[in-house]
């Protein structure tokens, strides 16, 4: 991408999109198009086609998606598979049809089998059953990957697909029911601290292991790969190491400053036992994350305290 290239960023308000927007601006890209859902409903095919035909962006970052944790995926499975599929189909097709030079599609590490070998290599895609608690979202993301690859194979469309690990950071969703594990823990411990509660209950056993990537590191990786990667095969984006949910919870508790007890509700689901990405492909290109977990958590908590409703 040239600094003056016309870039369309879909999903600029969300956790990932807002971080990509920050990175693009700080890197000198000033010709950026964004639209809110009120201005452009990405599920509306005719509206998306009209938008692309009018503005003719040269590069597209597809960060728009309906996202959420285990509870949200279990509660709204139809919305997760339908909304995400419509968004992907509409944007990928319109981007190709209107001559976009290159498109970056953001997938998710949940596309991999529940019991995949660890660390998870890109070639493990579609080699086993998915984690049932988020299979609806995962299926939509797999469709997006395959659509990018199909358009590359048939039309030569330059579309790359990134598979980020678990993300966190400023701008995350801290909703009590629909958030992922990191923001959910931050909110619970913060509210418990304010209320003077003696204990906080967390779902599961605490034994599953997860890898967490600070969202501004992901944003840096997207811009790097937009400029340095043209392979239709998927590429993992992560840090290459993980911790147990118990270790994460204890660290969040410490960062928040909550001094009560932590207990585990073992009647609730754990999700995938372990999910660590093999990031050797990405690292071999010369990119690595720069924000340590504790520093990222401290930044995220400061943002939450300042911006919470």
C-alpha atoms as a PDB file:
ATOM      1  CA  UNK A   1       0.000   0.000   0.000  1.00  0.00           C
ATOM      2  CA  UNK A   2       1.152   3.514  -0.731  1.00  0.00           C
ATOM      3  CA  UNK A   3       0.545   6.141   1.950  1.00  0.00           C
ATOM      4  CA  UNK A   4      -1.988   7.871  -0.323  1.00  0.00           C
ATOM      5  CA  UNK A   5      -3.806   4.631  -1.288  1.00  0.00           C
ATOM      6  CA  UNK A   6      -7.574   4.626  -0.815  1.00  0.00           C
ATOM      7  CA  UNK A   7      -8.253   2.158   2.009  1.00  0.00           C
ATOM      8  CA  UNK A   8     -11.644   0.884   3.158  1.00  0.00           C
ATOM      9  CA  UNK A   9     -11.695  -0.405   6.739  1.00  0.00           C
ATOM     10  CA  UNK A  10     -14.849  -2.408   7.456  1.00  0.00           C
ATOM     11  CA  UNK A  11     -15.630  -2.603  11.172  1.00  0.00           C
ATOM     12  CA  UNK A  12     -13.640   0.409  12.363  1.00  0.00           C
ATOM     13  CA  UNK A  13     -15.576   0.813  15.630  1.00  0.00           C
ATOM     14  CA  UNK A  14     -14.926  -2.653  17.054  1.00  0.00           C
ATOM     15  CA  UNK A  15     -11.973  -3.845  19.111  1.00  0.00           C
ATOM     16  CA  UNK A  16      -9.888  -4.937  16.108  1.00  0.00           C
ATOM     17  CA  UNK A  17     -11.076  -2.318  13.642  1.00  0.00           C
ATOM     18  CA  UNK A  18     -10.410   0.608  15.959  1.00  0.00           C
ATOM     19  CA  UNK A  19      -6.873  -0.683  16.572  1.00  0.00           C
ATOM     20  CA  UNK A  20      -6.248  -1.043  12.832  1.00  0.00           C
ATOM     21  CA  UNK A  21      -7.521   2.500  12.314  1.00  0.00           C
ATOM     22  CA  UNK A  22      -5.117   3.780  14.978  1.00  0.00           C
ATOM     23  CA  UNK A  23      -2.228   1.974  13.335  1.00  0.00           C
ATOM     24  CA  UNK A  24      -3.051   3.134   9.810  1.00  0.00           C
ATOM     25  CA  UNK A  25      -3.273   6.752  10.914  1.00  0.00           C
ATOM     26  CA  UNK A  26      -0.093   6.625  12.989  1.00  0.00           C
ATOM     27  CA  UNK A  27       1.710   4.978  10.051  1.00  0.00           C
ATOM     28  CA  UNK A  28       0.789   7.817   7.714  1.00  0.00           C
ATOM     29  CA  UNK A  29      -2.175   6.389   5.822  1.00  0.00           C
ATOM     30  CA  UNK A  30      -4.626   9.270   5.597  1.00  0.00           C
ATOM     31  CA  UNK A  31      -6.990   8.255   2.769  1.00  0.00           C
ATOM     32  CA  UNK A  32      -9.182   5.907   4.815  1.00  0.00           C
ATOM     33  CA  UNK A  33     -12.908   5.253   4.300  1.00  0.00           C
ATOM     34  CA  UNK A  34     -15.062   4.051   7.192  1.00  0.00           C
ATOM     35  CA  UNK A  35     -18.812   3.595   7.677  1.00  0.00           C
ATOM     36  CA  UNK A  36     -20.945   2.838  10.732  1.00  0.00           C
ATOM     37  CA  UNK A  37     -23.690   0.216  10.534  1.00  0.00           C
ATOM     38  CA  UNK A  38     -26.259   3.031  10.342  1.00  0.00           C
ATOM     39  CA  UNK A  39     -24.461   4.394   7.288  1.00  0.00           C
ATOM     40  CA  UNK A  40     -23.838   1.029   5.616  1.00  0.00           C
ATOM     41  CA  UNK A  41     -25.359  -2.297   6.682  1.00  0.00           C
ATOM     42  CA  UNK A  42     -22.819  -4.842   5.465  1.00  0.00           C
ATOM     43  CA  UNK A  43     -25.499  -7.548   5.468  1.00  0.00           C
ATOM     44  CA  UNK A  44     -27.297  -5.643   2.678  1.00  0.00           C
ATOM     45  CA  UNK A  45     -25.833  -6.852  -0.603  1.00  0.00           C
ATOM     46  CA  UNK A  46     -27.219  -4.079  -2.797  1.00  0.00           C
ATOM     47  CA  UNK A  47     -25.979  -1.404  -0.369  1.00  0.00           C
ATOM     48  CA  UNK A  48     -22.488  -2.929  -0.250  1.00  0.00           C
ATOM     49  CA  UNK A  49     -22.321  -3.206  -4.038  1.00  0.00           C
ATOM     50  CA  UNK A  50     -23.384   0.432  -4.417  1.00  0.00           C
ATOM     51  CA  UNK A  51     -20.784   1.565  -1.874  1.00  0.00           C
ATOM     52  CA  UNK A  52     -17.927  -0.206  -3.660  1.00  0.00           C
ATOM     53  CA  UNK A  53     -19.066   0.963  -7.088  1.00  0.00           C
ATOM     54  CA  UNK A  54     -19.142   4.575  -5.891  1.00  0.00           C
ATOM     55  CA  UNK A  55     -15.915   4.769  -3.871  1.00  0.00           C
ATOM     56  CA  UNK A  56     -13.672   2.179  -5.589  1.00  0.00           C
ATOM     57  CA  UNK A  57     -11.279   1.502  -2.681  1.00  0.00           C
ATOM     58  CA  UNK A  58      -7.864   0.111  -3.610  1.00  0.00           C
ATOM     59  CA  UNK A  59      -7.317  -1.890  -0.412  1.00  0.00           C
ATOM     60  CA  UNK A  60      -9.802  -3.446   2.017  1.00  0.00           C
ATOM     61  CA  UNK A  61      -9.413  -4.566   5.620  1.00  0.00           C
ATOM     62  CA  UNK A  62     -12.365  -6.783   6.581  1.00  0.00           C
ATOM     63  CA  UNK A  63     -12.543  -6.528  10.367  1.00  0.00           C
ATOM     64  CA  UNK A  64     -16.344  -6.311  10.618  1.00  0.00           C
ATOM     65  CA  UNK A  65     -17.985  -9.266  12.370  1.00  0.00           C
ATOM     66  CA  UNK A  66     -20.539 -10.275  14.967  1.00  0.00           C
ATOM     67  CA  UNK A  67     -18.431 -11.535  17.880  1.00  0.00           C
ATOM     68  CA  UNK A  68     -18.948 -12.768  21.453  1.00  0.00           C
ATOM     69  CA  UNK A  69     -18.015 -15.359  24.038  1.00  0.00           C
ATOM     70  CA  UNK A  70     -19.371 -18.823  24.828  1.00  0.00           C
ATOM     71  CA  UNK A  71     -22.711 -17.603  26.205  1.00  0.00           C
ATOM     72  CA  UNK A  72     -23.375 -15.326  23.230  1.00  0.00           C
ATOM     73  CA  UNK A  73     -22.498 -18.047  20.719  1.00  0.00           C
ATOM     74  CA  UNK A  74     -24.799 -20.525  22.448  1.00  0.00           C
ATOM     75  CA  UNK A  75     -27.641 -18.000  22.741  1.00  0.00           C
ATOM     76  CA  UNK A  76     -27.543 -16.510  19.238  1.00  0.00           C
ATOM     77  CA  UNK A  77     -26.232 -19.265  16.907  1.00  0.00           C
ATOM     78  CA  UNK A  78     -28.387 -18.218  13.937  1.00  0.00           C
ATOM     79  CA  UNK A  79     -27.202 -14.611  14.141  1.00  0.00           C
ATOM     80  CA  UNK A  80     -23.559 -15.627  14.445  1.00  0.00           C
ATOM     81  CA  UNK A  81     -23.588 -17.827  11.350  1.00  0.00           C
ATOM     82  CA  UNK A  82     -25.961 -15.738   9.228  1.00  0.00           C
ATOM     83  CA  UNK A  83     -24.687 -12.220   9.945  1.00  0.00           C
ATOM     84  CA  UNK A  84     -21.035 -13.140   9.542  1.00  0.00           C
ATOM     85  CA  UNK A  85     -21.651 -15.118   6.369  1.00  0.00           C
ATOM     86  CA  UNK A  86     -23.598 -12.274   4.767  1.00  0.00           C
ATOM     87  CA  UNK A  87     -20.927  -9.708   5.666  1.00  0.00           C
ATOM     88  CA  UNK A  88     -18.138 -11.846   4.196  1.00  0.00           C
ATOM     89  CA  UNK A  89     -19.952 -12.808   1.007  1.00  0.00           C
ATOM     90  CA  UNK A  90     -21.045  -9.257   0.277  1.00  0.00           C
ATOM     91  CA  UNK A  91     -17.661  -7.601   0.857  1.00  0.00           C
ATOM     92  CA  UNK A  92     -15.433 -10.217  -0.793  1.00  0.00           C
ATOM     93  CA  UNK A  93     -17.588 -10.333  -3.925  1.00  0.00           C
ATOM     94  CA  UNK A  94     -17.960  -6.544  -4.154  1.00  0.00           C
ATOM     95  CA  UNK A  95     -14.221  -6.036  -3.587  1.00  0.00           C
ATOM     96  CA  UNK A  96     -13.310  -8.380  -6.442  1.00  0.00           C
ATOM     97  CA  UNK A  97     -16.001  -7.026  -8.750  1.00  0.00           C
ATOM     98  CA  UNK A  98     -14.855  -3.434  -8.250  1.00  0.00           C
ATOM     99  CA  UNK A  99     -11.163  -3.978  -8.825  1.00  0.00           C
ATOM    100  CA  UNK A 100      -9.770  -3.881  -5.287  1.00  0.00           C
ATOM    101  CA  UNK A 101      -6.004  -4.481  -5.486  1.00  0.00           C
ATOM    102  CA  UNK A 102      -5.812  -6.467  -2.268  1.00  0.00           C
ATOM    103  CA  UNK A 103      -8.083  -7.509   0.575  1.00  0.00           C
ATOM    104  CA  UNK A 104      -7.245  -8.682   4.076  1.00  0.00           C
ATOM    105  CA  UNK A 105      -9.758 -10.987   5.785  1.00  0.00           C
ATOM    106  CA  UNK A 106      -9.637 -11.532   9.531  1.00  0.00           C
ATOM    107  CA  UNK A 107     -10.600 -15.006  10.629  1.00  0.00           C
ATOM    108  CA  UNK A 108     -10.240 -16.535  14.095  1.00  0.00           C
ATOM    109  CA  UNK A 109      -8.322 -19.300  15.832  1.00  0.00           C
ATOM    110  CA  UNK A 110     -11.669 -20.986  16.587  1.00  0.00           C
ATOM    111  CA  UNK A 111     -11.669 -22.267  12.984  1.00  0.00           C
ATOM    112  CA  UNK A 112      -9.320 -25.050  14.076  1.00  0.00           C
ATOM    113  CA  UNK A 113     -10.487 -28.432  15.435  1.00  0.00           C
ATOM    114  CA  UNK A 114     -11.269 -28.606  19.137  1.00  0.00           C
ATOM    115  CA  UNK A 115      -8.680 -31.325  19.719  1.00  0.00           C
ATOM    116  CA  UNK A 116      -6.046 -30.073  17.277  1.00  0.00           C
ATOM    117  CA  UNK A 117      -2.417 -30.914  17.976  1.00  0.00           C
ATOM    118  CA  UNK A 118      -0.560 -28.135  19.797  1.00  0.00           C
ATOM    119  CA  UNK A 119       0.766 -25.723  18.740  1.00  0.00           C
ATOM    120  CA  UNK A 120      -1.779 -25.382  15.937  1.00  0.00           C
ATOM    121  CA  UNK A 121      -0.335 -25.197  12.428  1.00  0.00           C
ATOM    122  CA  UNK A 122      -2.222 -23.564   9.554  1.00  0.00           C
ATOM    123  CA  UNK A 123      -2.588 -26.919   7.775  1.00  0.00           C
ATOM    124  CA  UNK A 124      -4.710 -28.299  10.641  1.00  0.00           C
ATOM    125  CA  UNK A 125      -7.753 -26.441   9.285  1.00  0.00           C
ATOM    126  CA  UNK A 126     -10.715 -28.791   8.692  1.00  0.00           C
ATOM    127  CA  UNK A 127      -8.958 -31.878  10.061  1.00  0.00           C
ATOM    128  CA  UNK A 128     -11.406 -32.541  12.908  1.00  0.00           C
ATOM    129  CA  UNK A 129     -14.614 -31.449  14.693  1.00  0.00           C
ATOM    130  CA  UNK A 130     -14.938 -27.869  15.902  1.00  0.00           C
ATOM    131  CA  UNK A 131     -15.492 -26.709  19.488  1.00  0.00           C
ATOM    132  CA  UNK A 132     -19.333 -26.924  19.818  1.00  0.00           C
ATOM    133  CA  UNK A 133     -19.646 -23.747  21.904  1.00  0.00           C
ATOM    134  CA  UNK A 134     -18.553 -21.536  18.996  1.00  0.00           C
ATOM    135  CA  UNK A 135     -19.006 -23.664  15.893  1.00  0.00           C
ATOM    136  CA  UNK A 136     -21.515 -21.230  14.346  1.00  0.00           C
ATOM    137  CA  UNK A 137     -19.004 -18.385  14.300  1.00  0.00           C
ATOM    138  CA  UNK A 138     -16.208 -20.745  13.255  1.00  0.00           C
ATOM    139  CA  UNK A 139     -18.200 -22.104  10.291  1.00  0.00           C
ATOM    140  CA  UNK A 140     -18.843 -18.583   9.023  1.00  0.00           C
ATOM    141  CA  UNK A 141     -15.145 -17.739   9.299  1.00  0.00           C
ATOM    142  CA  UNK A 142     -14.155 -20.924   7.463  1.00  0.00           C
ATOM    143  CA  UNK A 143     -16.527 -19.946   4.668  1.00  0.00           C
ATOM    144  CA  UNK A 144     -14.817 -16.543   4.465  1.00  0.00           C
ATOM    145  CA  UNK A 145     -11.401 -18.203   4.182  1.00  0.00           C
ATOM    146  CA  UNK A 146     -12.560 -20.565   1.454  1.00  0.00           C
ATOM    147  CA  UNK A 147     -14.283 -17.756  -0.416  1.00  0.00           C
ATOM    148  CA  UNK A 148     -11.051 -15.732  -0.447  1.00  0.00           C
ATOM    149  CA  UNK A 149      -9.166 -18.770  -1.715  1.00  0.00           C
ATOM    150  CA  UNK A 150     -11.816 -19.537  -4.343  1.00  0.00           C
ATOM    151  CA  UNK A 151     -11.727 -15.980  -5.697  1.00  0.00           C
ATOM    152  CA  UNK A 152      -7.942 -16.173  -5.812  1.00  0.00           C
ATOM    153  CA  UNK A 153      -8.029 -19.500  -7.643  1.00  0.00           C
ATOM    154  CA  UNK A 154     -10.691 -18.554 -10.188  1.00  0.00           C
ATOM    155  CA  UNK A 155     -10.105 -14.821 -10.655  1.00  0.00           C
ATOM    156  CA  UNK A 156      -6.575 -14.196  -9.341  1.00  0.00           C
ATOM    157  CA  UNK A 157      -7.998 -11.915  -6.637  1.00  0.00           C
ATOM    158  CA  UNK A 158      -5.314 -11.008  -4.079  1.00  0.00           C
ATOM    159  CA  UNK A 159      -7.077 -11.833  -0.805  1.00  0.00           C
ATOM    160  CA  UNK A 160      -5.149 -12.910   2.288  1.00  0.00           C
ATOM    161  CA  UNK A 161      -6.594 -14.471   5.449  1.00  0.00           C
ATOM    162  CA  UNK A 162      -5.211 -13.942   8.963  1.00  0.00           C
ATOM    163  CA  UNK A 163      -6.068 -16.171  11.924  1.00  0.00           C
ATOM    164  CA  UNK A 164      -5.590 -14.177  15.142  1.00  0.00           C
ATOM    165  CA  UNK A 165      -5.394 -15.837  18.526  1.00  0.00           C
ATOM    166  CA  UNK A 166      -7.487 -14.583  21.489  1.00  0.00           C
ATOM    167  CA  UNK A 167      -7.448 -10.782  21.566  1.00  0.00           C
ATOM    168  CA  UNK A 168      -7.811  -8.139  24.262  1.00  0.00           C
ATOM    169  CA  UNK A 169      -7.178  -4.437  24.660  1.00  0.00           C
ATOM    170  CA  UNK A 170      -8.684  -0.944  24.744  1.00  0.00           C
ATOM    171  CA  UNK A 171     -12.109  -0.815  23.123  1.00  0.00           C
ATOM    172  CA  UNK A 172     -13.023  -4.389  24.031  1.00  0.00           C
ATOM    173  CA  UNK A 173     -16.593  -5.484  24.771  1.00  0.00           C
ATOM    174  CA  UNK A 174     -17.106  -5.606  28.545  1.00  0.00           C
ATOM    175  CA  UNK A 175     -20.772  -6.659  28.407  1.00  0.00           C
ATOM    176  CA  UNK A 176     -21.598  -8.972  31.364  1.00  0.00           C
ATOM    177  CA  UNK A 177     -23.119 -11.651  29.101  1.00  0.00           C
ATOM    178  CA  UNK A 178     -21.583 -11.284  25.636  1.00  0.00           C
ATOM    179  CA  UNK A 179     -17.903 -10.577  26.333  1.00  0.00           C
ATOM    180  CA  UNK A 180     -14.840 -12.807  25.964  1.00  0.00           C
ATOM    181  CA  UNK A 181     -12.881 -14.112  28.936  1.00  0.00           C
ATOM    182  CA  UNK A 182     -10.375 -11.269  29.393  1.00  0.00           C
ATOM    183  CA  UNK A 183     -12.815  -8.312  29.463  1.00  0.00           C
ATOM    184  CA  UNK A 184     -15.293 -10.414  31.455  1.00  0.00           C
ATOM    185  CA  UNK A 185     -12.666 -11.012  34.148  1.00  0.00           C
ATOM    186  CA  UNK A 186     -11.668  -7.335  34.224  1.00  0.00           C
ATOM    187  CA  UNK A 187     -15.268  -6.239  34.711  1.00  0.00           C
ATOM    188  CA  UNK A 188     -16.036  -8.871  37.357  1.00  0.00           C
ATOM    189  CA  UNK A 189     -12.994  -8.106  39.473  1.00  0.00           C
ATOM    190  CA  UNK A 190     -13.460  -4.347  39.139  1.00  0.00           C
ATOM    191  CA  UNK A 191     -17.124  -4.466  40.169  1.00  0.00           C
ATOM    192  CA  UNK A 192     -16.295  -6.851  43.026  1.00  0.00           C
ATOM    193  CA  UNK A 193     -13.602  -4.446  44.230  1.00  0.00           C
ATOM    194  CA  UNK A 194     -16.015  -1.503  44.193  1.00  0.00           C
ATOM    195  CA  UNK A 195     -18.737  -3.503  45.947  1.00  0.00           C
ATOM    196  CA  UNK A 196     -16.379  -4.969  48.537  1.00  0.00           C
ATOM    197  CA  UNK A 197     -17.355  -8.551  47.645  1.00  0.00           C
ATOM    198  CA  UNK A 198     -15.529 -11.344  49.438  1.00  0.00           C
ATOM    199  CA  UNK A 199     -15.275 -13.624  46.394  1.00  0.00           C
ATOM    200  CA  UNK A 200     -15.642 -13.736  42.603  1.00  0.00           C
ATOM    201  CA  UNK A 201     -16.921 -16.845  40.811  1.00  0.00           C
ATOM    202  CA  UNK A 202     -15.478 -17.717  37.403  1.00  0.00           C
ATOM    203  CA  UNK A 203     -16.798 -20.287  34.927  1.00  0.00           C
ATOM    204  CA  UNK A 204     -15.060 -23.644  34.462  1.00  0.00           C
ATOM    205  CA  UNK A 205     -12.102 -25.319  36.096  1.00  0.00           C
ATOM    206  CA  UNK A 206      -9.422 -22.784  35.215  1.00  0.00           C
ATOM    207  CA  UNK A 207      -7.279 -25.496  33.594  1.00  0.00           C
ATOM    208  CA  UNK A 208      -7.725 -24.691  29.857  1.00  0.00           C
ATOM    209  CA  UNK A 209      -4.768 -22.866  28.345  1.00  0.00           C
ATOM    210  CA  UNK A 210      -5.131 -19.780  26.162  1.00  0.00           C
ATOM    211  CA  UNK A 211      -2.863 -17.489  24.193  1.00  0.00           C
ATOM    212  CA  UNK A 212      -3.599 -13.756  24.306  1.00  0.00           C
ATOM    213  CA  UNK A 213      -2.496 -11.068  21.843  1.00  0.00           C
ATOM    214  CA  UNK A 214      -2.775  -7.349  22.537  1.00  0.00           C
ATOM    215  CA  UNK A 215      -5.052  -5.866  19.881  1.00  0.00           C
ATOM    216  CA  UNK A 216      -2.613  -3.131  18.843  1.00  0.00           C
ATOM    217  CA  UNK A 217      -0.063  -5.842  18.103  1.00  0.00           C
ATOM    218  CA  UNK A 218      -2.628  -7.528  15.855  1.00  0.00           C
ATOM    219  CA  UNK A 219      -3.260  -4.201  14.118  1.00  0.00           C
ATOM    220  CA  UNK A 220       0.470  -3.828  13.455  1.00  0.00           C
ATOM    221  CA  UNK A 221       0.531  -7.359  12.035  1.00  0.00           C
ATOM    222  CA  UNK A 222      -2.371  -6.644   9.647  1.00  0.00           C
ATOM    223  CA  UNK A 223      -0.624  -3.623   8.149  1.00  0.00           C
ATOM    224  CA  UNK A 224       2.667  -5.536   7.967  1.00  0.00           C
ATOM    225  CA  UNK A 225       1.044  -8.480   6.189  1.00  0.00           C
ATOM    226  CA  UNK A 226      -0.960  -6.269   3.839  1.00  0.00           C
ATOM    227  CA  UNK A 227       2.411  -4.986   2.653  1.00  0.00           C
ATOM    228  CA  UNK A 228       4.457  -8.188   2.863  1.00  0.00           C
ATOM    229  CA  UNK A 229       2.256 -11.267   2.300  1.00  0.00           C
ATOM    230  CA  UNK A 230       0.406 -12.356  -0.851  1.00  0.00           C
ATOM    231  CA  UNK A 231      -0.227 -16.066  -0.302  1.00  0.00           C
ATOM    232  CA  UNK A 232      -3.878 -17.244  -0.349  1.00  0.00           C
ATOM    233  CA  UNK A 233      -3.021 -19.809   2.339  1.00  0.00           C
ATOM    234  CA  UNK A 234      -4.006 -18.722   5.846  1.00  0.00           C
ATOM    235  CA  UNK A 235      -1.451 -17.357   8.304  1.00  0.00           C
ATOM    236  CA  UNK A 236      -1.610 -17.449  12.116  1.00  0.00           C
ATOM    237  CA  UNK A 237      -1.107 -14.304  14.200  1.00  0.00           C
ATOM    238  CA  UNK A 238      -0.233 -14.730  17.874  1.00  0.00           C
ATOM    239  CA  UNK A 239       2.518 -14.610  20.476  1.00  0.00           C
ATOM    240  CA  UNK A 240       3.571 -18.265  20.524  1.00  0.00           C
ATOM    241  CA  UNK A 241       2.998 -18.940  24.241  1.00  0.00           C
ATOM    242  CA  UNK A 242      -0.007 -19.502  26.494  1.00  0.00           C
ATOM    243  CA  UNK A 243      -1.213 -19.550  30.124  1.00  0.00           C
ATOM    244  CA  UNK A 244      -3.970 -21.348  31.997  1.00  0.00           C
ATOM    245  CA  UNK A 245      -7.222 -19.468  32.552  1.00  0.00           C
ATOM    246  CA  UNK A 246      -6.432 -19.712  36.272  1.00  0.00           C
ATOM    247  CA  UNK A 247      -3.111 -17.913  35.738  1.00  0.00           C
ATOM    248  CA  UNK A 248      -4.854 -15.282  33.630  1.00  0.00           C
ATOM    249  CA  UNK A 249      -7.532 -14.756  36.281  1.00  0.00           C
ATOM    250  CA  UNK A 250      -4.926 -14.323  39.012  1.00  0.00           C
ATOM    251  CA  UNK A 251      -3.038 -11.784  36.896  1.00  0.00           C
ATOM    252  CA  UNK A 252      -6.210  -9.805  36.124  1.00  0.00           C
ATOM    253  CA  UNK A 253      -7.123  -9.879  39.815  1.00  0.00           C
ATOM    254  CA  UNK A 254      -3.702  -8.455  40.668  1.00  0.00           C
ATOM    255  CA  UNK A 255      -3.840  -5.731  37.980  1.00  0.00           C
ATOM    256  CA  UNK A 256      -7.332  -4.659  39.054  1.00  0.00           C
ATOM    257  CA  UNK A 257      -6.340  -4.667  42.718  1.00  0.00           C
ATOM    258  CA  UNK A 258      -9.113  -6.984  43.924  1.00  0.00           C
ATOM    259  CA  UNK A 259      -8.193  -8.587  47.265  1.00  0.00           C
ATOM    260  CA  UNK A 260     -11.043 -11.079  47.704  1.00  0.00           C
ATOM    261  CA  UNK A 261     -11.126 -14.790  46.908  1.00  0.00           C
ATOM    262  CA  UNK A 262     -11.445 -16.488  43.539  1.00  0.00           C
ATOM    263  CA  UNK A 263     -13.619 -19.602  43.150  1.00  0.00           C
ATOM    264  CA  UNK A 264     -14.361 -21.779  40.121  1.00  0.00           C
ATOM    265  CA  UNK A 265     -17.810 -22.977  39.027  1.00  0.00           C
ATOM    266  CA  UNK A 266     -16.895 -26.377  37.617  1.00  0.00           C
ATOM    267  CA  UNK A 267     -20.487 -27.013  36.463  1.00  0.00           C
ATOM    268  CA  UNK A 268     -19.914 -24.484  33.649  1.00  0.00           C
ATOM    269  CA  UNK A 269     -18.149 -25.387  30.360  1.00  0.00           C
ATOM    270  CA  UNK A 270     -14.426 -24.916  29.831  1.00  0.00           C
ATOM    271  CA  UNK A 271     -14.459 -24.749  26.043  1.00  0.00           C
ATOM    272  CA  UNK A 272     -11.425 -25.965  24.088  1.00  0.00           C
ATOM    273  CA  UNK A 273      -8.791 -27.529  26.415  1.00  0.00           C
ATOM    274  CA  UNK A 274      -5.908 -25.684  24.784  1.00  0.00           C
ATOM    275  CA  UNK A 275      -5.473 -23.289  21.879  1.00  0.00           C
ATOM    276  CA  UNK A 276      -1.923 -22.238  21.083  1.00  0.00           C
ATOM    277  CA  UNK A 277      -1.070 -21.128  17.564  1.00  0.00           C
ATOM    278  CA  UNK A 278       2.075 -22.056  15.711  1.00  0.00           C
ATOM    279  CA  UNK A 279       3.293 -18.623  14.583  1.00  0.00           C
ATOM    280  CA  UNK A 280       6.563 -19.714  12.982  1.00  0.00           C
ATOM    281  CA  UNK A 281       5.275 -18.782   9.524  1.00  0.00           C
ATOM    282  CA  UNK A 282       4.570 -15.200  10.627  1.00  0.00           C
ATOM    283  CA  UNK A 283       7.779 -14.827  12.634  1.00  0.00           C
ATOM    284  CA  UNK A 284       9.818 -16.046   9.641  1.00  0.00           C
ATOM    285  CA  UNK A 285       8.563 -13.007   7.704  1.00  0.00           C
ATOM    286  CA  UNK A 286      10.153 -10.697  10.268  1.00  0.00           C
ATOM    287  CA  UNK A 287       7.239  -9.689  12.489  1.00  0.00           C
ATOM    288  CA  UNK A 288       6.807 -10.289  16.237  1.00  0.00           C
ATOM    289  CA  UNK A 289       4.479  -8.776  18.886  1.00  0.00           C
ATOM    290  CA  UNK A 290       5.884  -6.085  21.169  1.00  0.00           C
ATOM    291  CA  UNK A 291       3.437  -5.680  24.093  1.00  0.00           C
ATOM    292  CA  UNK A 292       3.895  -8.024  27.119  1.00  0.00           C
ATOM    293  CA  UNK A 293       0.737  -9.478  28.672  1.00  0.00           C
ATOM    294  CA  UNK A 294       0.891  -7.555  31.944  1.00  0.00           C
ATOM    295  CA  UNK A 295       1.506  -4.232  30.181  1.00  0.00           C
ATOM    296  CA  UNK A 296      -1.382  -4.923  27.830  1.00  0.00           C
ATOM    297  CA  UNK A 297      -3.663  -5.791  30.749  1.00  0.00           C
ATOM    298  CA  UNK A 298      -2.723  -2.607  32.594  1.00  0.00           C
ATOM    299  CA  UNK A 299      -3.471  -0.530  29.482  1.00  0.00           C
ATOM    300  CA  UNK A 300      -6.788  -2.317  29.014  1.00  0.00           C
ATOM    301  CA  UNK A 301      -7.859  -1.837  32.628  1.00  0.00           C
ATOM    302  CA  UNK A 302      -6.989   1.868  32.525  1.00  0.00           C
ATOM    303  CA  UNK A 303      -9.120   2.215  29.401  1.00  0.00           C
ATOM    304  CA  UNK A 304     -12.014   0.356  31.029  1.00  0.00           C
ATOM    305  CA  UNK A 305     -11.966   2.514  34.181  1.00  0.00           C
ATOM    306  CA  UNK A 306     -11.898   5.677  32.082  1.00  0.00           C
ATOM    307  CA  UNK A 307     -14.547   4.672  29.531  1.00  0.00           C
ATOM    308  CA  UNK A 308     -16.923   2.227  31.256  1.00  0.00           C
ATOM    309  CA  UNK A 309     -20.625   3.157  31.222  1.00  0.00           C
END
